[in-house]
Amino acid sequence: MQTNAIGKALITGFAQTAKTDEVKQYLLRGKELSQKYIDIFSNFLIKEDLPAPMSWDSSVTDSTTSVFSDKLIMFHISAMIAAGVGNFGMAMAASPRKDLGLKYASLIPEISLYAADGAKIMIKHGWMEEPPQADDRKDLSKG
């Protein structure tokens, strides 16, 4: 939850300063996903009469001055997503609760699709090389 709360605050700030609409829209989608995950895991805590951590939203200033390039922003978001997926995997493996494990497992495909969309944006703008692709053996066999 804390990772998503910090990520949401960072994404909010990045979205305020991103230069291209495509990157802004991608970031706003990430902000919504982060809030969704915060809500899901807050509910687990609340149901157990445990306090949910506060958000970091109040730490985000109202600045719209761009200090980072969209390329750097996307790189950081990509790294955050990779860390988040790793956190879900570790939490899933470490949790003795089946309900939490299933919830983590159900969220990984959604965040992975978000990551793939980010990679497409980065490839489109030349900020990342397209990963090597396997040859289509069936197509090559048609001659």
Protein backbone atom coordinates (compact mmCIF):
# COMPACT_ATOMS: atom_id res chain seq x y z
CA MET A 1 0.00 0.00 0.00
CA GLN A 2 2.76 2.43 0.90
CA THR A 3 4.50 1.83 -2.43
CA ASN A 4 1.31 2.65 -4.29
CA ALA A 5 0.67 5.72 -2.14
CA ILE A 6 4.15 7.10 -2.83
CA GLY A 7 3.85 6.13 -6.49
CA LYS A 8 0.52 7.91 -6.78
CA ALA A 9 2.00 11.12 -5.36
CA LEU A 10 4.98 10.91 -7.73
CA ILE A 11 2.75 10.20 -10.73
CA THR A 12 0.51 13.14 -9.78
CA GLY A 13 3.48 15.49 -9.80
CA PHE A 14 4.82 14.06 -13.04
CA ALA A 15 1.37 14.36 -14.70
CA GLN A 16 1.26 18.06 -13.76
CA THR A 17 4.58 18.68 -15.51
CA ALA A 18 4.63 16.25 -18.45
CA LYS A 19 4.94 17.97 -21.82
CA THR A 20 2.98 15.63 -24.12
CA ASP A 21 -0.67 14.74 -23.78
CA GLU A 22 0.11 11.09 -24.47
CA VAL A 23 2.43 10.89 -21.46
CA LYS A 24 0.01 12.91 -19.29
CA GLN A 25 -2.86 10.54 -20.12
CA TYR A 26 -0.65 7.53 -19.40
CA LEU A 27 0.31 9.00 -16.02
CA LEU A 28 -3.29 9.81 -15.12
CA ARG A 29 -4.20 6.20 -15.87
CA GLY A 30 -1.40 5.12 -13.54
CA LYS A 31 -2.72 7.44 -10.84
CA GLU A 32 -6.13 5.75 -11.11
CA LEU A 33 -4.54 2.29 -10.88
CA SER A 34 -2.54 3.32 -7.82
CA GLN A 35 -5.67 4.63 -6.12
CA LYS A 36 -7.52 1.42 -6.99
CA TYR A 37 -4.78 -0.68 -5.37
CA ILE A 38 -4.67 1.60 -2.31
CA ASP A 39 -8.43 1.19 -1.90
CA ILE A 40 -8.27 -2.58 -2.28
CA PHE A 41 -5.57 -3.07 0.34
CA SER A 42 -6.99 -0.41 2.68
CA ASN A 43 -10.21 -2.42 2.75
CA PHE A 44 -8.29 -5.52 3.84
CA LEU A 45 -6.85 -3.56 6.78
CA ILE A 46 -10.12 -1.86 7.70
CA LYS A 47 -11.95 -5.21 7.75
CA GLU A 48 -9.39 -6.41 10.31
CA ASP A 49 -9.86 -3.24 12.43
CA LEU A 50 -6.39 -2.02 11.51
CA PRO A 51 -5.54 1.53 10.46
CA ALA A 52 -4.84 2.24 6.81
CA PRO A 53 -1.80 4.47 6.16
CA MET A 54 -2.38 8.07 5.16
CA SER A 55 -1.83 9.15 1.58
CA TRP A 56 1.08 11.25 0.38
CA ASP A 57 -1.19 13.41 -1.81
CA SER A 58 -0.72 16.51 0.35
CA SER A 59 3.03 16.39 -0.41
CA VAL A 60 2.47 17.18 -4.08
CA THR A 61 2.86 20.87 -4.86
CA ASP A 62 0.76 22.80 -7.38
CA SER A 63 3.76 23.38 -9.66
CA THR A 64 3.35 22.83 -13.39
CA THR A 65 6.93 23.80 -14.21
CA SER A 66 8.58 21.01 -16.15
CA VAL A 67 11.94 20.06 -14.66
CA PHE A 68 12.19 16.54 -16.10
CA SER A 69 11.86 15.37 -19.69
CA ASP A 70 9.01 13.05 -20.61
CA LYS A 71 11.69 10.50 -21.43
CA LEU A 72 13.06 10.58 -17.86
CA ILE A 73 9.55 10.55 -16.39
CA MET A 74 8.64 7.45 -18.39
CA PHE A 75 11.89 5.75 -17.38
CA HIS A 76 11.12 6.34 -13.69
CA ILE A 77 7.54 5.17 -14.05
CA SER A 78 8.73 2.04 -15.84
CA ALA A 79 11.17 1.30 -13.01
CA MET A 80 8.44 1.91 -10.41
CA ILE A 81 6.10 -0.49 -12.17
CA ALA A 82 8.79 -3.18 -12.29
CA ALA A 83 9.43 -2.71 -8.57
CA GLY A 84 5.70 -2.82 -7.88
CA VAL A 85 5.23 -6.09 -9.74
CA GLY A 86 8.18 -7.49 -7.80
CA ASN A 87 6.57 -6.30 -4.56
CA PHE A 88 3.33 -8.04 -5.48
CA GLY A 89 5.22 -11.25 -6.23
CA MET A 90 7.16 -11.13 -2.95
CA ALA A 91 4.03 -10.31 -0.97
CA MET A 92 2.15 -13.12 -2.66
CA ALA A 93 4.91 -15.60 -1.82
CA ALA A 94 5.31 -14.39 1.77
CA SER A 95 1.65 -14.11 2.74
CA PRO A 96 0.06 -17.07 4.51
CA ARG A 97 -3.36 -15.64 3.65
CA LYS A 98 -4.87 -17.11 0.51
CA ASP A 99 -7.20 -14.15 0.00
CA LEU A 100 -4.27 -11.72 -0.18
CA GLY A 101 -2.27 -14.02 -2.43
CA LEU A 102 -5.17 -14.32 -4.84
CA LYS A 103 -5.67 -10.55 -4.85
CA TYR A 104 -1.99 -9.92 -5.65
CA ALA A 105 -2.11 -12.54 -8.41
CA SER A 106 -5.24 -10.99 -9.91
CA LEU A 107 -3.65 -7.52 -10.07
CA ILE A 108 -0.38 -8.51 -11.76
CA PRO A 109 -1.91 -8.91 -15.26
CA GLU A 110 -3.51 -5.46 -15.06
CA ILE A 111 -0.31 -3.69 -14.02
CA SER A 112 1.63 -5.69 -16.62
CA LEU A 113 -0.66 -4.40 -19.38
CA TYR A 114 -0.11 -0.86 -18.08
CA ALA A 115 3.65 -1.45 -18.20
CA ALA A 116 3.39 -2.75 -21.78
CA ASP A 117 1.50 0.37 -22.83
CA GLY A 118 4.27 2.48 -21.28
CA ALA A 119 6.88 0.51 -23.21
CA LYS A 120 4.96 1.16 -26.44
CA ILE A 121 5.03 4.91 -25.75
CA MET A 122 8.76 4.77 -25.04
CA ILE A 123 9.47 2.76 -28.21
CA LYS A 124 7.30 5.09 -30.30
CA HIS A 125 9.31 8.13 -29.18
CA GLY A 126 12.68 6.39 -29.47
CA TRP A 127 13.27 6.43 -25.71
CA MET A 128 13.62 2.66 -25.59
CA GLU A 129 14.60 0.09 -28.17
CA GLU A 130 12.07 -2.51 -29.12
CA PRO A 131 13.06 -5.80 -27.48
CA PRO A 132 14.23 -8.56 -29.82
CA GLN A 133 11.36 -10.60 -31.20
CA ALA A 134 11.25 -14.31 -31.94
CA ASP A 135 10.96 -15.28 -35.60
CA ASP A 136 7.53 -16.50 -36.68
CA ARG A 137 8.49 -20.03 -37.70
CA LYS A 138 5.06 -20.84 -39.12
CA ASP A 139 5.21 -17.81 -41.40
CA LEU A 140 8.77 -18.59 -42.48
CA SER A 141 7.77 -22.18 -43.29
CA LYS A 142 5.10 -21.05 -45.76
CA GLY A 143 7.88 -20.11 -48.17
